[in-house]
Structure formats: C-alpha cells, structure tokens
C-alpha cells in the first residue's frame, strides 16, 4: 500500500545499512537488497549502538533497514534514536506487522514497513515507493487515519524530544532523581530540571509518573500485553 507525499523525484539507492541481530536474516537482507536494487555497498550492525557508531564515522547511507526488536532497544525507541542520528530513509523490517505496530513505526519516522519473511517482490516495491517519496506499508494495512491508537500518539510525542531529553526520560523511567540524573550526565541539576519541564510540556503531562506512562505506552512489552 502506497501513500504519497510532496516528493516526486526518484532516488536510486546505492548504499545501505542493515541493522538486525540475527546473523542469518541479516545476511539474507543484504543479499535481497543487492538482488532487487542498484545497492552494492551494504554495511551491517547487530544492535542500535553499533549502528549509531557506524553512522557517526562513515558517509551517510541512502537507506537504513531496521529490525525493531534489537537487544539494546526498548520498543520504538531505537527508531526514534536512529532518526536523530541520520537523515537516511528508514525501512522497518519486523516480525511484528499488525496495523498498530506499523502505524506506530510510521509515526516514529519510518519511510516504510515490510513484514519479515516477505517475498523479494515486496522489498522491491518498498524500495521503489520509498525512492519516489512515498510511504510503503504491507497489503491489508489500516492506516492511522482509520484507527485510534494510544501507542501511535505516545510515539509521536516521544519523537519530539531531543536526544538529551530522551536520555533524561530514560533515566526517569529507571527511577532516578534529578540529582542522580545530573551526576550521570555531568550536567547541573538546574539544567536537568529545565529539561524535565520541557519533556513534560512536549508530552502533554503534568508529572514524572505520567511521563513514564507515556514512555511505557511506546514499549513492546506494554504494546504486546494491550494487543492480547
């Protein structure tokens, strides 16, 4: 399923970064990309930390193919952090492919979504769509305009946070006090307070507890439980 935006220029992808912690599937993705497109240069990373490190030390790729379920990622946080680390278009490939997950991934910045173990033709169509400025979703997907979804809203709010604010929210979720956060990040406690105020304003909440609940709404554990 395709959703057009204002971009009409076709992009020919020539380089990519594949982020997946399963070696065999990672290799399969590399071979698929090289078989269906002009992409010849493909780097790989087994976790988000390695991916962000690679992005900071190498020329930006045209495309990033991302598995949502990584060992160092909680929910859609990896996609949000990746969006702050690169301007490359991101294609999410995940075994969790229900409409709620797809919608949340798009809200977090993904340019397209392909279920794992899809045929090569779907990957080819996804790259063609993304390259022409469209958003690609799997057949049968119900878009966000047709569903009311708290997870999408939570992800959209979290996407508005800066990198530093996201780190502070992570520490708040771990139960850290402002003084502890200041020590952890080597910043002044007054700076932490200012960031916390900004975080609550962006999330539309009035307490740290509510901020934590927003963060948890975007996590896979909460998502899976609420999806039954």
Protein backbone atom coordinates (compact mmCIF):
# COMPACT_ATOMS: atom_id res chain seq x y z
CA UNK A 1 0.00 0.00 0.00
CA UNK A 2 1.41 3.39 -1.00
CA UNK A 3 0.88 6.83 0.49
CA UNK A 4 2.23 9.77 -1.50
CA UNK A 5 3.88 12.88 -0.09
CA UNK A 6 5.11 16.05 -1.81
CA UNK A 7 8.35 14.44 -3.05
CA UNK A 8 8.27 13.21 -6.63
CA UNK A 9 11.96 12.82 -7.50
CA UNK A 10 13.03 9.18 -7.77
CA UNK A 11 16.01 8.26 -5.57
CA UNK A 12 18.23 5.43 -6.72
CA UNK A 13 19.62 3.80 -3.61
CA UNK A 14 23.27 2.76 -3.90
CA UNK A 15 24.25 2.19 -0.25
CA UNK A 16 22.53 0.81 2.82
CA UNK A 17 22.96 -0.10 6.47
CA UNK A 18 21.17 -3.21 7.73
CA UNK A 19 20.55 -3.34 11.49
CA UNK A 20 19.49 -6.80 12.67
CA UNK A 21 20.82 -9.02 15.47
CA UNK A 22 20.09 -12.32 13.70
CA UNK A 23 23.15 -13.14 11.52
CA UNK A 24 21.36 -15.38 9.02
CA UNK A 25 18.49 -12.99 8.47
CA UNK A 26 20.90 -10.09 8.28
CA UNK A 27 22.81 -11.88 5.51
CA UNK A 28 19.54 -12.64 3.74
CA UNK A 29 18.56 -8.96 3.84
CA UNK A 30 21.92 -7.95 2.37
CA UNK A 31 21.51 -10.42 -0.49
CA UNK A 32 17.93 -9.32 -1.08
CA UNK A 33 18.86 -5.64 -1.30
CA UNK A 34 21.67 -6.36 -3.73
CA UNK A 35 19.44 -8.59 -5.87
CA UNK A 36 16.48 -6.20 -6.23
CA UNK A 37 18.18 -2.81 -6.45
CA UNK A 38 21.35 -0.95 -7.53
CA UNK A 39 22.56 -1.11 -3.93
CA UNK A 40 26.08 -2.55 -3.85
CA UNK A 41 27.53 -1.12 -0.65
CA UNK A 42 25.83 -2.68 2.38
CA UNK A 43 27.10 -2.37 5.94
CA UNK A 44 25.61 -4.32 8.84
CA UNK A 45 25.20 -3.80 12.58
CA UNK A 46 23.87 -6.26 15.19
CA UNK A 47 22.48 -3.60 17.52
CA UNK A 48 21.44 0.04 17.59
CA UNK A 49 24.55 1.19 19.46
CA UNK A 50 26.81 -0.23 16.76
CA UNK A 51 24.57 1.26 14.07
CA UNK A 52 24.75 4.76 15.52
CA UNK A 53 28.52 4.44 15.98
CA UNK A 54 28.86 3.36 12.34
CA UNK A 55 26.72 6.27 11.18
CA UNK A 56 28.89 8.72 13.10
CA UNK A 57 32.11 7.50 11.47
CA UNK A 58 31.06 6.71 7.89
CA UNK A 59 29.41 8.52 4.98
CA UNK A 60 25.64 8.51 5.34
CA UNK A 61 23.95 5.60 3.53
CA UNK A 62 20.98 6.14 1.24
CA UNK A 63 18.87 3.67 3.21
CA UNK A 64 18.73 2.04 6.63
CA UNK A 65 16.92 -1.29 7.03
CA UNK A 66 15.98 -1.71 10.67
CA UNK A 67 14.67 -4.58 12.77
CA UNK A 68 12.57 -3.13 15.60
CA UNK A 69 13.38 -5.88 18.08
CA UNK A 70 17.05 -5.33 18.94
CA UNK A 71 18.89 -6.36 22.15
CA UNK A 72 19.67 -2.76 23.16
CA UNK A 73 16.32 -1.21 22.22
CA UNK A 74 13.09 -0.80 24.17
CA UNK A 75 10.09 -0.60 21.87
CA UNK A 76 10.16 2.13 19.24
CA UNK A 77 12.97 4.00 20.99
CA UNK A 78 15.52 2.62 18.52
CA UNK A 79 13.66 4.06 15.56
CA UNK A 80 13.36 7.42 17.29
CA UNK A 81 17.07 7.50 18.15
CA UNK A 82 18.02 6.42 14.65
CA UNK A 83 16.01 9.28 13.20
CA UNK A 84 18.13 11.71 15.21
CA UNK A 85 21.37 10.06 14.03
CA UNK A 86 20.78 10.02 10.27
CA UNK A 87 18.73 11.65 7.55
CA UNK A 88 18.67 8.39 5.57
CA UNK A 89 15.29 6.89 4.84
CA UNK A 90 14.46 4.01 7.15
CA UNK A 91 12.70 0.82 6.09
CA UNK A 92 11.48 -1.20 9.05
CA UNK A 93 11.51 -4.98 8.67
CA UNK A 94 9.83 -6.73 11.58
CA UNK A 95 8.02 -9.94 12.51
CA UNK A 96 5.51 -7.75 14.39
CA UNK A 97 3.44 -6.49 11.46
CA UNK A 98 -0.02 -5.74 12.84
CA UNK A 99 -1.53 -2.39 11.86
CA UNK A 100 -0.93 -0.91 15.29
CA UNK A 101 2.80 -1.62 15.10
CA UNK A 102 3.04 -0.38 11.51
CA UNK A 103 1.24 2.86 12.38
CA UNK A 104 3.49 3.48 15.38
CA UNK A 105 6.61 2.83 13.30
CA UNK A 106 5.47 5.37 10.70
CA UNK A 107 4.72 7.88 13.45
CA UNK A 108 8.28 7.36 14.72
CA UNK A 109 9.74 8.25 11.34
CA UNK A 110 9.89 5.08 9.24
CA UNK A 111 9.54 5.61 5.49
CA UNK A 112 8.17 2.11 5.00
CA UNK A 113 7.38 -1.19 6.68
CA UNK A 114 7.86 -4.72 5.36
CA UNK A 115 6.98 -7.84 7.40
CA UNK A 116 9.88 -10.24 7.94
CA UNK A 117 9.96 -13.24 5.61
CA UNK A 118 8.17 -11.30 2.84
CA UNK A 119 8.93 -12.23 -0.74
CA UNK A 120 11.59 -10.28 -2.60
CA UNK A 121 8.96 -8.57 -4.73
CA UNK A 122 7.57 -6.78 -1.68
CA UNK A 123 11.04 -5.48 -0.81
CA UNK A 124 11.47 -4.31 -4.41
CA UNK A 125 8.13 -2.48 -4.33
CA UNK A 126 9.01 -0.95 -0.96
CA UNK A 127 12.30 0.46 -2.25
CA UNK A 128 10.62 1.81 -5.38
CA UNK A 129 7.95 3.51 -3.28
CA UNK A 130 10.37 4.98 -0.75
CA UNK A 131 12.68 6.12 -3.52
CA UNK A 132 9.84 8.06 -5.15
CA UNK A 133 8.88 9.78 -1.89
CA UNK A 134 6.01 7.51 -0.95
CA UNK A 135 5.37 5.63 2.27
CA UNK A 136 5.17 1.88 1.86
CA UNK A 137 3.02 -0.37 4.06
CA UNK A 138 2.07 -4.05 3.66
CA UNK A 139 -1.16 -5.12 1.96
CA UNK A 140 -4.17 -5.01 4.24
CA UNK A 141 -2.68 -2.36 6.48
CA UNK A 142 -5.14 0.03 8.12
CA UNK A 143 -3.58 3.49 8.25
CA UNK A 144 -3.53 5.82 11.24
CA UNK A 145 -6.38 7.97 9.95
CA UNK A 146 -8.66 4.94 10.35
CA UNK A 147 -7.57 3.80 13.79
CA UNK A 148 -7.43 5.49 17.18
CA UNK A 149 -4.26 4.28 18.81
CA UNK A 150 -2.65 5.37 22.06
CA UNK A 151 0.67 3.81 21.05
CA UNK A 152 0.90 5.97 17.92
CA UNK A 153 0.16 9.08 19.97
CA UNK A 154 2.82 8.15 22.53
CA UNK A 155 5.43 7.52 19.85
CA UNK A 156 4.61 10.78 18.09
CA UNK A 157 5.09 12.72 21.32
CA UNK A 158 8.35 10.95 22.13
CA UNK A 159 9.64 11.74 18.64
CA UNK A 160 9.51 15.44 19.50
CA UNK A 161 12.11 15.05 22.28
CA UNK A 162 15.74 15.99 21.70
CA UNK A 163 18.45 13.36 22.17
CA UNK A 164 19.33 14.75 25.62
CA UNK A 165 15.68 14.86 26.65
CA UNK A 166 15.26 11.25 25.55
CA UNK A 167 18.24 10.22 27.69
CA UNK A 168 16.82 12.05 30.68
CA UNK A 169 13.42 10.42 30.20
CA UNK A 170 15.13 7.01 30.09
CA UNK A 171 16.74 7.76 33.45
CA UNK A 172 13.43 8.99 34.87
CA UNK A 173 11.90 5.67 33.80
CA UNK A 174 14.66 3.94 35.78
CA UNK A 175 13.54 5.86 38.87
CA UNK A 176 16.49 8.28 39.01
CA UNK A 177 16.08 11.59 40.84
CA UNK A 178 17.16 14.90 39.30
CA UNK A 179 20.33 14.91 41.39
CA UNK A 180 21.24 11.42 40.20
CA UNK A 181 20.49 12.32 36.58
CA UNK A 182 22.69 15.40 36.84
CA UNK A 183 25.56 13.26 38.13
CA UNK A 184 25.01 10.60 35.45
CA UNK A 185 25.04 13.11 32.59
CA UNK A 186 27.59 15.51 34.12
CA UNK A 187 25.26 18.49 33.93
CA UNK A 188 23.85 20.91 36.51
CA UNK A 189 20.76 19.90 38.47
CA UNK A 190 19.06 23.12 37.35
CA UNK A 191 19.66 22.02 33.74
CA UNK A 192 18.01 18.69 34.48
CA UNK A 193 15.00 20.48 35.97
CA UNK A 194 14.70 22.64 32.86
CA UNK A 195 14.84 19.55 30.64
CA UNK A 196 12.24 17.74 32.76
CA UNK A 197 9.91 20.73 32.45
CA UNK A 198 10.41 20.74 28.67
CA UNK A 199 9.83 16.97 28.49
CA UNK A 200 6.53 17.19 30.36
CA UNK A 201 5.40 20.08 28.17
CA UNK A 202 6.19 18.17 24.95
CA UNK A 203 4.50 15.02 26.25
CA UNK A 204 1.47 16.97 27.46
CA UNK A 205 1.72 15.68 31.02
CA UNK A 206 1.95 17.28 34.46
CA UNK A 207 4.00 14.76 36.42
CA UNK A 208 7.02 12.48 36.10
CA UNK A 209 4.73 9.47 36.60
CA UNK A 210 2.62 10.46 33.61
CA UNK A 211 5.80 10.90 31.54
CA UNK A 212 6.88 7.38 32.45
CA UNK A 213 3.47 6.03 31.43
CA UNK A 214 3.80 7.71 28.01
CA UNK A 215 7.22 6.08 27.56
CA UNK A 216 5.88 2.68 28.57
CA UNK A 217 2.98 3.01 26.12
CA UNK A 218 5.56 3.01 23.33
CA UNK A 219 7.35 -0.10 24.57
CA UNK A 220 6.87 -3.55 23.03
CA UNK A 221 6.07 -5.18 26.38
CA UNK A 222 3.15 -2.86 27.02
CA UNK A 223 2.16 -3.00 23.36
CA UNK A 224 2.04 -6.78 23.29
CA UNK A 225 0.07 -7.01 26.52
CA UNK A 226 -2.52 -4.49 25.35
CA UNK A 227 -2.76 -6.23 21.96
CA UNK A 228 -3.59 -9.52 23.63
